[in-house]
Amino acid sequence: MPRGTLEVVLISAKGLEDNDFLSSIDPYVILTYRAQEHKSTVQEGAGSNPQWNESFLFTVSDSASELNLKIMDKDKFSEDDSLGEAIIHLDPVFEEGSLPETVYKVVKDQEYCGEIKVALTFTAERNEERYTDQDESYGGWKESSDEF
């Protein structure tokens, strides 16, 4: 069961549906891992090819293995519109430690509607390595048993 910190670097998106009538879309991303949620900055007027280059940290403490990226369009006078979402399976990053910039499909209503580029890094907690053979050199039961 992985425990540690997941760093998500939100890089860019392309090919998003520009559904605003009078202006370009203002995309942002809601990143969700279990109950943890982060929101990127809104790229005002960026249209269908926004650039973020932002990092987000999530605490990993169980075997949940999906990161959800919901791409939204910020609207001033109405509710924000969903542009689609990408679901990233995290097992490969838990095994490898990091994944370079990777492009994931953005899907809405089971249809392809763009791409999002993300890099992932998983840093495992260190306390799993507490009991190793090296610990015996710091003293303990071996030395104390020699005194009797």
Protein backbone atom coordinates (compact mmCIF):
# COMPACT_ATOMS: atom_id res chain seq x y z
CA MET A 1 0.00 0.00 0.00
CA PRO A 2 1.69 3.23 -1.12
CA ARG A 3 2.15 6.05 1.38
CA GLY A 4 3.78 9.36 0.59
CA THR A 5 3.37 12.47 -1.52
CA LEU A 6 2.13 12.71 -5.09
CA GLU A 7 3.27 15.79 -7.02
CA VAL A 8 1.20 16.64 -10.07
CA VAL A 9 2.64 19.14 -12.54
CA LEU A 10 -0.17 20.50 -14.68
CA ILE A 11 1.53 21.63 -17.88
CA SER A 12 -0.94 22.41 -20.65
CA ALA A 13 -3.95 21.34 -22.67
CA LYS A 14 -4.77 21.48 -26.34
CA GLY A 15 -7.73 20.98 -28.59
CA LEU A 16 -10.29 21.89 -25.93
CA GLU A 17 -13.73 22.76 -27.24
CA ASP A 18 -14.07 26.55 -27.42
CA ASN A 19 -17.77 26.84 -26.79
CA ASP A 20 -17.94 30.49 -25.69
CA PHE A 21 -20.03 32.54 -28.09
CA LEU A 22 -18.41 35.98 -27.93
CA SER A 23 -14.95 35.34 -26.47
CA SER A 24 -12.34 32.66 -25.93
CA ILE A 25 -12.76 30.15 -23.11
CA ASP A 26 -11.08 30.77 -19.73
CA PRO A 27 -9.98 27.24 -18.77
CA TYR A 28 -8.97 25.97 -15.35
CA VAL A 29 -8.59 22.49 -13.88
CA ILE A 30 -9.98 20.91 -10.72
CA LEU A 31 -7.61 18.12 -9.61
CA THR A 32 -9.12 15.52 -7.27
CA TYR A 33 -7.50 12.61 -5.45
CA ARG A 34 -9.88 10.96 -2.96
CA ALA A 35 -11.20 13.81 -0.74
CA GLN A 36 -8.31 16.16 -1.62
CA GLU A 37 -8.98 18.82 -4.21
CA HIS A 38 -6.86 21.55 -5.81
CA LYS A 39 -7.81 24.15 -8.39
CA SER A 40 -5.46 25.63 -10.98
CA THR A 41 -5.40 29.28 -11.90
CA VAL A 42 -7.86 30.43 -14.55
CA GLN A 43 -6.13 31.06 -17.88
CA GLU A 44 -8.22 34.02 -19.00
CA GLY A 45 -8.71 34.19 -22.75
CA ALA A 46 -6.34 31.26 -23.32
CA GLY A 47 -8.82 29.53 -25.58
CA SER A 48 -8.47 25.87 -26.45
CA ASN A 49 -4.67 25.63 -25.85
CA PRO A 50 -3.96 26.88 -22.28
CA GLN A 51 -0.58 26.69 -20.49
CA TRP A 52 -0.45 26.34 -16.69
CA ASN A 53 2.94 24.99 -15.53
CA GLU A 54 1.66 24.63 -11.95
CA SER A 55 2.46 22.03 -9.28
CA PHE A 56 0.06 20.46 -6.80
CA LEU A 57 0.77 18.09 -3.88
CA PHE A 58 -1.48 15.30 -2.66
CA THR A 59 -1.02 13.06 0.38
CA VAL A 60 -1.23 9.36 -0.51
CA SER A 61 -2.15 7.11 2.40
CA ASP A 62 -4.00 4.19 0.87
CA SER A 63 -4.44 2.25 -2.33
CA ALA A 64 -6.70 4.72 -4.17
CA SER A 65 -5.21 4.73 -7.62
CA GLU A 66 -6.96 7.41 -9.68
CA LEU A 67 -6.44 11.12 -10.12
CA ASN A 68 -9.33 13.02 -11.69
CA LEU A 69 -8.72 16.17 -13.74
CA LYS A 70 -11.87 18.12 -14.54
CA ILE A 71 -11.34 20.89 -17.10
CA MET A 72 -13.70 23.82 -16.64
CA ASP A 73 -14.45 27.11 -18.41
CA LYS A 74 -14.79 30.09 -16.04
CA ASP A 75 -17.88 32.12 -16.89
CA LYS A 76 -18.58 35.57 -15.47
CA PHE A 77 -22.37 35.67 -15.76
CA SER A 78 -23.36 32.01 -15.55
CA GLU A 79 -22.31 28.73 -14.01
CA ASP A 80 -18.86 27.48 -15.12
CA ASP A 81 -19.01 24.97 -17.98
CA SER A 82 -17.40 21.54 -17.97
CA LEU A 83 -15.07 21.04 -20.94
CA GLY A 84 -14.40 17.39 -20.10
CA GLU A 85 -12.25 15.31 -17.79
CA ALA A 86 -9.28 13.00 -17.73
CA ILE A 87 -8.79 10.11 -15.32
CA ILE A 88 -5.18 9.14 -14.65
CA HIS A 89 -4.41 5.70 -13.24
CA LEU A 90 -1.65 6.10 -10.66
CA ASP A 91 -0.32 2.53 -10.30
CA PRO A 92 2.50 3.17 -12.83
CA VAL A 93 3.76 6.24 -10.93
CA PHE A 94 3.57 4.36 -7.59
CA GLU A 95 5.74 1.61 -9.13
CA GLU A 96 8.18 3.80 -11.10
CA GLY A 97 8.42 6.81 -8.78
CA SER A 98 7.81 9.31 -11.58
CA LEU A 99 6.29 9.66 -15.01
CA PRO A 100 7.57 12.27 -17.47
CA GLU A 101 5.26 14.68 -19.28
CA THR A 102 2.43 12.52 -20.59
CA VAL A 103 -0.60 13.43 -22.69
CA TYR A 104 -3.99 12.15 -21.51
CA LYS A 105 -7.27 12.24 -23.43
CA VAL A 106 -9.96 14.64 -22.23
CA VAL A 107 -13.39 13.04 -22.55
CA LYS A 108 -16.89 14.45 -22.22
CA ASP A 109 -20.00 12.30 -22.64
CA GLN A 110 -17.73 9.45 -23.79
CA GLU A 111 -16.36 11.54 -26.66
CA TYR A 112 -12.79 12.77 -27.19
CA CYS A 113 -12.62 16.54 -26.72
CA GLY A 114 -8.94 17.44 -26.32
CA GLU A 115 -5.74 16.54 -24.48
CA ILE A 116 -4.09 17.51 -21.22
CA LYS A 117 -0.37 17.20 -20.46
CA VAL A 118 0.75 16.26 -16.94
CA ALA A 119 3.95 15.05 -15.21
CA LEU A 120 3.75 12.96 -12.02
CA THR A 121 6.19 12.22 -9.20
CA PHE A 122 5.54 9.96 -6.19
CA THR A 123 7.77 10.23 -3.12
CA ALA A 124 7.30 7.32 -0.72
CA GLU A 125 7.42 7.82 3.05
CA ARG A 126 10.78 6.90 4.55
CA ASN A 127 9.62 5.17 7.75
CA GLU A 128 9.12 1.83 5.96
CA GLU A 129 12.91 1.42 5.94
CA ARG A 130 13.32 1.65 9.74
CA TYR A 131 14.18 -1.96 10.47
CA THR A 132 17.24 -2.90 8.44
CA ASP A 133 20.42 -4.82 9.22
CA GLN A 134 22.29 -1.52 9.53
CA ASP A 135 20.31 -0.64 12.68
CA GLU A 136 22.10 -3.39 14.61
CA SER A 137 25.40 -1.46 14.40
CA TYR A 138 23.95 1.29 16.59
CA GLY A 139 23.83 -0.94 19.65
CA GLY A 140 20.88 -2.71 21.10
CA TRP A 141 20.27 -6.27 22.16
CA LYS A 142 23.53 -7.65 20.69
CA GLU A 143 25.75 -5.35 22.76
CA SER A 144 23.69 -5.62 25.91
CA SER A 145 23.69 -9.43 25.72
CA ASP A 146 27.54 -9.45 25.57
CA GLU A 147 27.73 -7.70 28.96
CA PHE A 148 26.22 -10.63 30.88
